[in-house]
């Protein structure tokens, strides 16, 4: 498969991004398409509409379900996420989103919650600020030269996000790091790892 990362042709990137919804639908994972639509089309507006931007516990749970459905399903992590106190989620996410545009503090702040690692935290921050923060996806990271083996650390996320920001800036035309992440994921065809369907 031709590497999308190595292409500087806008048409290649546009085609990959346009294919994203279809690739999501083709994963064969129950509810992924509806969760993905919610994540991309509804959650950002919900967060932005609040006087102090934050996410709620139900939103964090649903966001975690989206992340796991698109990647690897880890039921114990979801149990941990659901066990967070609602007020703790609001407090942590308010502080995290207030720290934008620092490259890592928003992710690290939200990742202090139970069951939330850098990937899930990045999904929430990306929903609020897609022009600066891409979702931290292992499949995408593996396509970016020079990053090395994926590590779920703030240092690795910083390098990953910087690379996707730079590519978005090179592409121009309204591209964001979040869009670059989706294009790379779609170009690869999604994730073929074993996972359980949502029921």
C-alpha atoms as a PDB file:
ATOM      1  CA  UNK A   1       0.000   0.000   0.000  1.00  0.00           C
ATOM      2  CA  UNK A   2       1.300   3.435  -0.924  1.00  0.00           C
ATOM      3  CA  UNK A   3       2.149   5.518   2.111  1.00  0.00           C
ATOM      4  CA  UNK A   4      -0.163   8.478   2.469  1.00  0.00           C
ATOM      5  CA  UNK A   5       2.363  10.190   4.708  1.00  0.00           C
ATOM      6  CA  UNK A   6       4.897  10.283   1.883  1.00  0.00           C
ATOM      7  CA  UNK A   7       2.436  12.019  -0.433  1.00  0.00           C
ATOM      8  CA  UNK A   8       2.339  15.800  -0.703  1.00  0.00           C
ATOM      9  CA  UNK A   9      -0.588  15.702  -3.143  1.00  0.00           C
ATOM     10  CA  UNK A  10      -3.636  17.351  -1.637  1.00  0.00           C
ATOM     11  CA  UNK A  11      -5.895  15.137  -3.749  1.00  0.00           C
ATOM     12  CA  UNK A  12      -4.534  12.022  -1.998  1.00  0.00           C
ATOM     13  CA  UNK A  13      -5.230  13.455   1.440  1.00  0.00           C
ATOM     14  CA  UNK A  14      -8.664  14.762   0.423  1.00  0.00           C
ATOM     15  CA  UNK A  15      -9.580  11.327  -0.924  1.00  0.00           C
ATOM     16  CA  UNK A  16      -8.450   9.581   2.260  1.00  0.00           C
ATOM     17  CA  UNK A  17     -10.410  11.966   4.482  1.00  0.00           C
ATOM     18  CA  UNK A  18     -13.512  11.632   2.307  1.00  0.00           C
ATOM     19  CA  UNK A  19     -13.269   7.852   2.686  1.00  0.00           C
ATOM     20  CA  UNK A  20     -13.268   8.047   6.490  1.00  0.00           C
ATOM     21  CA  UNK A  21     -17.036   7.549   7.108  1.00  0.00           C
ATOM     22  CA  UNK A  22     -17.092   4.582   4.771  1.00  0.00           C
ATOM     23  CA  UNK A  23     -14.095   2.973   6.446  1.00  0.00           C
ATOM     24  CA  UNK A  24     -15.758   3.477   9.831  1.00  0.00           C
ATOM     25  CA  UNK A  25     -18.894   1.794   8.519  1.00  0.00           C
ATOM     26  CA  UNK A  26     -16.874  -1.046   7.075  1.00  0.00           C
ATOM     27  CA  UNK A  27     -15.241  -2.043  10.362  1.00  0.00           C
ATOM     28  CA  UNK A  28     -18.093  -4.382  11.265  1.00  0.00           C
ATOM     29  CA  UNK A  29     -18.295  -3.048  14.802  1.00  0.00           C
ATOM     30  CA  UNK A  30     -21.780  -2.528  16.182  1.00  0.00           C
ATOM     31  CA  UNK A  31     -22.619   1.108  16.972  1.00  0.00           C
ATOM     32  CA  UNK A  32     -19.241   2.430  15.788  1.00  0.00           C
ATOM     33  CA  UNK A  33     -20.793   4.494  12.998  1.00  0.00           C
ATOM     34  CA  UNK A  34     -23.298   6.163  15.332  1.00  0.00           C
ATOM     35  CA  UNK A  35     -20.674   6.733  18.031  1.00  0.00           C
ATOM     36  CA  UNK A  36     -18.284   8.209  15.480  1.00  0.00           C
ATOM     37  CA  UNK A  37     -20.959  10.547  14.149  1.00  0.00           C
ATOM     38  CA  UNK A  38     -21.717  11.677  17.709  1.00  0.00           C
ATOM     39  CA  UNK A  39     -18.032  12.208  18.446  1.00  0.00           C
ATOM     40  CA  UNK A  40     -17.370  14.256  15.302  1.00  0.00           C
ATOM     41  CA  UNK A  41     -20.649  16.125  14.888  1.00  0.00           C
ATOM     42  CA  UNK A  42     -22.256  16.543  18.320  1.00  0.00           C
ATOM     43  CA  UNK A  43     -19.689  16.412  21.116  1.00  0.00           C
ATOM     44  CA  UNK A  44     -17.623  19.429  19.959  1.00  0.00           C
ATOM     45  CA  UNK A  45     -20.710  21.654  19.984  1.00  0.00           C
ATOM     46  CA  UNK A  46     -21.810  20.377  23.400  1.00  0.00           C
ATOM     47  CA  UNK A  47     -18.418  21.215  24.904  1.00  0.00           C
ATOM     48  CA  UNK A  48     -18.138  24.610  23.222  1.00  0.00           C
ATOM     49  CA  UNK A  49     -21.623  25.686  24.326  1.00  0.00           C
ATOM     50  CA  UNK A  50     -20.710  25.601  28.013  1.00  0.00           C
ATOM     51  CA  UNK A  51     -19.624  28.753  29.828  1.00  0.00           C
ATOM     52  CA  UNK A  52     -16.649  26.818  31.155  1.00  0.00           C
ATOM     53  CA  UNK A  53     -15.903  24.137  28.545  1.00  0.00           C
ATOM     54  CA  UNK A  54     -15.839  20.637  30.011  1.00  0.00           C
ATOM     55  CA  UNK A  55     -17.072  17.099  29.446  1.00  0.00           C
ATOM     56  CA  UNK A  56     -19.519  15.241  31.660  1.00  0.00           C
ATOM     57  CA  UNK A  57     -19.193  11.690  32.948  1.00  0.00           C
ATOM     58  CA  UNK A  58     -21.776  10.309  30.466  1.00  0.00           C
ATOM     59  CA  UNK A  59     -19.905  12.036  27.632  1.00  0.00           C
ATOM     60  CA  UNK A  60     -16.578  10.657  28.832  1.00  0.00           C
ATOM     61  CA  UNK A  61     -18.051   7.154  28.976  1.00  0.00           C
ATOM     62  CA  UNK A  62     -19.481   7.479  25.466  1.00  0.00           C
ATOM     63  CA  UNK A  63     -16.220   8.919  24.174  1.00  0.00           C
ATOM     64  CA  UNK A  64     -14.362   5.954  25.700  1.00  0.00           C
ATOM     65  CA  UNK A  65     -16.773   3.576  23.982  1.00  0.00           C
ATOM     66  CA  UNK A  66     -16.058   5.338  20.669  1.00  0.00           C
ATOM     67  CA  UNK A  67     -12.304   5.084  21.174  1.00  0.00           C
ATOM     68  CA  UNK A  68     -12.482   1.388  22.069  1.00  0.00           C
ATOM     69  CA  UNK A  69     -14.906   0.555  19.257  1.00  0.00           C
ATOM     70  CA  UNK A  70     -12.582   2.182  16.741  1.00  0.00           C
ATOM     71  CA  UNK A  71      -9.541   0.434  18.185  1.00  0.00           C
ATOM     72  CA  UNK A  72      -9.206  -2.219  20.878  1.00  0.00           C
ATOM     73  CA  UNK A  73     -12.026  -3.012  23.300  1.00  0.00           C
ATOM     74  CA  UNK A  74     -10.848  -3.088  26.926  1.00  0.00           C
ATOM     75  CA  UNK A  75     -13.828  -3.730  29.180  1.00  0.00           C
ATOM     76  CA  UNK A  76     -11.926  -3.229  32.480  1.00  0.00           C
ATOM     77  CA  UNK A  77     -10.942   0.283  31.397  1.00  0.00           C
ATOM     78  CA  UNK A  78     -14.544   1.159  30.655  1.00  0.00           C
ATOM     79  CA  UNK A  79     -15.543   0.002  34.147  1.00  0.00           C
ATOM     80  CA  UNK A  80     -12.884   2.295  35.614  1.00  0.00           C
ATOM     81  CA  UNK A  81     -14.097   5.250  33.548  1.00  0.00           C
ATOM     82  CA  UNK A  82     -17.689   4.690  34.663  1.00  0.00           C
ATOM     83  CA  UNK A  83     -16.495   4.667  38.276  1.00  0.00           C
ATOM     84  CA  UNK A  84     -15.304   8.280  38.192  1.00  0.00           C
ATOM     85  CA  UNK A  85     -17.345  10.742  40.240  1.00  0.00           C
ATOM     86  CA  UNK A  86     -19.349  13.086  37.983  1.00  0.00           C
ATOM     87  CA  UNK A  87     -18.019  16.203  39.727  1.00  0.00           C
ATOM     88  CA  UNK A  88     -14.429  14.926  39.401  1.00  0.00           C
ATOM     89  CA  UNK A  89     -14.866  14.556  35.640  1.00  0.00           C
ATOM     90  CA  UNK A  90     -16.219  18.098  35.332  1.00  0.00           C
ATOM     91  CA  UNK A  91     -13.418  19.524  37.481  1.00  0.00           C
ATOM     92  CA  UNK A  92     -10.635  17.645  35.683  1.00  0.00           C
ATOM     93  CA  UNK A  93     -11.951  18.346  32.196  1.00  0.00           C
ATOM     94  CA  UNK A  94     -12.543  22.021  32.979  1.00  0.00           C
ATOM     95  CA  UNK A  95      -8.932  22.350  34.110  1.00  0.00           C
ATOM     96  CA  UNK A  96      -7.698  20.351  31.128  1.00  0.00           C
ATOM     97  CA  UNK A  97      -9.528  22.417  28.528  1.00  0.00           C
ATOM     98  CA  UNK A  98      -8.492  25.643  30.257  1.00  0.00           C
ATOM     99  CA  UNK A  99      -4.854  24.598  29.710  1.00  0.00           C
ATOM    100  CA  UNK A 100      -5.243  24.645  25.907  1.00  0.00           C
ATOM    101  CA  UNK A 101      -3.039  25.320  23.887  1.00  0.00           C
ATOM    102  CA  UNK A 102      -0.224  23.804  25.985  1.00  0.00           C
ATOM    103  CA  UNK A 103       0.998  20.759  24.027  1.00  0.00           C
ATOM    104  CA  UNK A 104       0.652  18.208  26.827  1.00  0.00           C
ATOM    105  CA  UNK A 105      -0.865  19.666  30.027  1.00  0.00           C
ATOM    106  CA  UNK A 106      -4.502  19.234  28.868  1.00  0.00           C
ATOM    107  CA  UNK A 107      -3.879  15.560  28.067  1.00  0.00           C
ATOM    108  CA  UNK A 108      -1.970  14.898  31.298  1.00  0.00           C
ATOM    109  CA  UNK A 109      -4.615  16.657  33.402  1.00  0.00           C
ATOM    110  CA  UNK A 110      -7.509  14.618  32.032  1.00  0.00           C
ATOM    111  CA  UNK A 111      -5.462  11.409  32.190  1.00  0.00           C
ATOM    112  CA  UNK A 112      -5.455  11.669  36.006  1.00  0.00           C
ATOM    113  CA  UNK A 113      -9.015  10.309  35.998  1.00  0.00           C
ATOM    114  CA  UNK A 114      -9.579   6.581  36.538  1.00  0.00           C
ATOM    115  CA  UNK A 115      -9.341   4.557  33.335  1.00  0.00           C
ATOM    116  CA  UNK A 116      -8.246   7.515  31.222  1.00  0.00           C
ATOM    117  CA  UNK A 117      -4.927   7.237  29.441  1.00  0.00           C
ATOM    118  CA  UNK A 118      -3.301   9.604  26.953  1.00  0.00           C
ATOM    119  CA  UNK A 119      -5.301   8.230  24.008  1.00  0.00           C
ATOM    120  CA  UNK A 120      -8.736   8.705  25.579  1.00  0.00           C
ATOM    121  CA  UNK A 121      -7.709  12.064  27.021  1.00  0.00           C
ATOM    122  CA  UNK A 122      -6.518  13.204  23.602  1.00  0.00           C
ATOM    123  CA  UNK A 123      -9.897  12.284  22.111  1.00  0.00           C
ATOM    124  CA  UNK A 124     -11.656  14.679  24.487  1.00  0.00           C
ATOM    125  CA  UNK A 125      -9.153  17.488  23.941  1.00  0.00           C
ATOM    126  CA  UNK A 126      -9.245  16.977  20.166  1.00  0.00           C
ATOM    127  CA  UNK A 127     -13.036  17.259  20.161  1.00  0.00           C
ATOM    128  CA  UNK A 128     -12.652  20.692  21.773  1.00  0.00           C
ATOM    129  CA  UNK A 129      -9.611  21.890  19.818  1.00  0.00           C
ATOM    130  CA  UNK A 130      -9.060  19.868  16.608  1.00  0.00           C
ATOM    131  CA  UNK A 131      -6.859  22.604  15.159  1.00  0.00           C
ATOM    132  CA  UNK A 132      -4.164  21.797  17.738  1.00  0.00           C
ATOM    133  CA  UNK A 133      -4.732  18.274  19.073  1.00  0.00           C
ATOM    134  CA  UNK A 134      -5.074  15.044  17.105  1.00  0.00           C
ATOM    135  CA  UNK A 135      -6.525  11.903  18.637  1.00  0.00           C
ATOM    136  CA  UNK A 136      -3.660   9.633  19.745  1.00  0.00           C
ATOM    137  CA  UNK A 137      -4.097   6.528  17.601  1.00  0.00           C
ATOM    138  CA  UNK A 138      -1.573   3.686  17.500  1.00  0.00           C
ATOM    139  CA  UNK A 139      -2.278   2.797  13.874  1.00  0.00           C
ATOM    140  CA  UNK A 140      -1.745   6.398  12.808  1.00  0.00           C
ATOM    141  CA  UNK A 141       1.431   6.814  14.852  1.00  0.00           C
ATOM    142  CA  UNK A 142       2.912   3.747  13.171  1.00  0.00           C
ATOM    143  CA  UNK A 143       2.581   5.493   9.783  1.00  0.00           C
ATOM    144  CA  UNK A 144       4.595   8.563  10.800  1.00  0.00           C
ATOM    145  CA  UNK A 145       8.316   8.155  10.116  1.00  0.00           C
ATOM    146  CA  UNK A 146      10.728   8.909  12.921  1.00  0.00           C
ATOM    147  CA  UNK A 147       8.384   8.440  15.874  1.00  0.00           C
ATOM    148  CA  UNK A 148       9.614   4.960  16.721  1.00  0.00           C
ATOM    149  CA  UNK A 149       7.656   2.315  18.610  1.00  0.00           C
ATOM    150  CA  UNK A 150       4.418   3.672  20.023  1.00  0.00           C
ATOM    151  CA  UNK A 151       4.653   4.609  23.685  1.00  0.00           C
ATOM    152  CA  UNK A 152       1.662   5.850  25.670  1.00  0.00           C
ATOM    153  CA  UNK A 153       3.547   8.760  27.221  1.00  0.00           C
ATOM    154  CA  UNK A 154       3.241  12.535  27.139  1.00  0.00           C
ATOM    155  CA  UNK A 155       6.623  12.794  25.424  1.00  0.00           C
ATOM    156  CA  UNK A 156       5.556  10.485  22.628  1.00  0.00           C
ATOM    157  CA  UNK A 157       2.220  12.260  22.231  1.00  0.00           C
ATOM    158  CA  UNK A 158       4.030  15.585  21.947  1.00  0.00           C
ATOM    159  CA  UNK A 159       6.151  14.273  19.049  1.00  0.00           C
ATOM    160  CA  UNK A 160       3.113  12.639  17.417  1.00  0.00           C
ATOM    161  CA  UNK A 161       0.995  15.792  17.679  1.00  0.00           C
ATOM    162  CA  UNK A 162       3.818  18.008  16.427  1.00  0.00           C
ATOM    163  CA  UNK A 163       4.225  15.808  13.349  1.00  0.00           C
ATOM    164  CA  UNK A 164       0.494  15.927  12.562  1.00  0.00           C
ATOM    165  CA  UNK A 165       0.346  19.690  13.156  1.00  0.00           C
ATOM    166  CA  UNK A 166       3.236  20.194  10.761  1.00  0.00           C
ATOM    167  CA  UNK A 167       1.562  18.056   8.101  1.00  0.00           C
ATOM    168  CA  UNK A 168      -1.727  19.940   8.517  1.00  0.00           C
ATOM    169  CA  UNK A 169       0.126  23.236   8.071  1.00  0.00           C
ATOM    170  CA  UNK A 170       1.818  21.923   4.925  1.00  0.00           C
ATOM    171  CA  UNK A 171      -1.491  20.795   3.446  1.00  0.00           C
ATOM    172  CA  UNK A 172      -3.235  24.100   4.264  1.00  0.00           C
ATOM    173  CA  UNK A 173      -6.782  24.444   2.861  1.00  0.00           C
ATOM    174  CA  UNK A 174      -8.385  24.135   6.306  1.00  0.00           C
ATOM    175  CA  UNK A 175      -6.605  20.940   7.301  1.00  0.00           C
ATOM    176  CA  UNK A 176      -6.250  20.290  11.035  1.00  0.00           C
ATOM    177  CA  UNK A 177      -4.186  17.745  12.968  1.00  0.00           C
ATOM    178  CA  UNK A 178      -7.446  15.934  13.758  1.00  0.00           C
ATOM    179  CA  UNK A 179      -8.281  15.688  10.043  1.00  0.00           C
ATOM    180  CA  UNK A 180      -4.770  14.421   9.267  1.00  0.00           C
ATOM    181  CA  UNK A 181      -5.253  11.680  11.877  1.00  0.00           C
ATOM    182  CA  UNK A 182      -8.582  10.599  10.358  1.00  0.00           C
ATOM    183  CA  UNK A 183      -7.166  10.591   6.830  1.00  0.00           C
ATOM    184  CA  UNK A 184      -4.238   8.384   7.863  1.00  0.00           C
ATOM    185  CA  UNK A 185      -6.500   6.000   9.766  1.00  0.00           C
ATOM    186  CA  UNK A 186      -8.919   5.735   6.837  1.00  0.00           C
ATOM    187  CA  UNK A 187      -6.134   5.300   4.281  1.00  0.00           C
ATOM    188  CA  UNK A 188      -4.851   2.315   6.243  1.00  0.00           C
ATOM    189  CA  UNK A 189      -8.359   0.866   6.298  1.00  0.00           C
ATOM    190  CA  UNK A 190      -9.060   1.055   9.991  1.00  0.00           C
ATOM    191  CA  UNK A 191      -7.859  -1.361  12.630  1.00  0.00           C
ATOM    192  CA  UNK A 192      -8.121  -5.089  12.101  1.00  0.00           C
ATOM    193  CA  UNK A 193      -7.261  -6.096  15.662  1.00  0.00           C
ATOM    194  CA  UNK A 194      -9.566  -8.352  17.648  1.00  0.00           C
ATOM    195  CA  UNK A 195     -12.274  -6.506  19.525  1.00  0.00           C
ATOM    196  CA  UNK A 196     -15.724  -7.123  20.912  1.00  0.00           C
ATOM    197  CA  UNK A 197     -18.767  -5.538  19.353  1.00  0.00           C
ATOM    198  CA  UNK A 198     -20.751  -3.112  21.426  1.00  0.00           C
ATOM    199  CA  UNK A 199     -24.037  -4.612  22.514  1.00  0.00           C
END
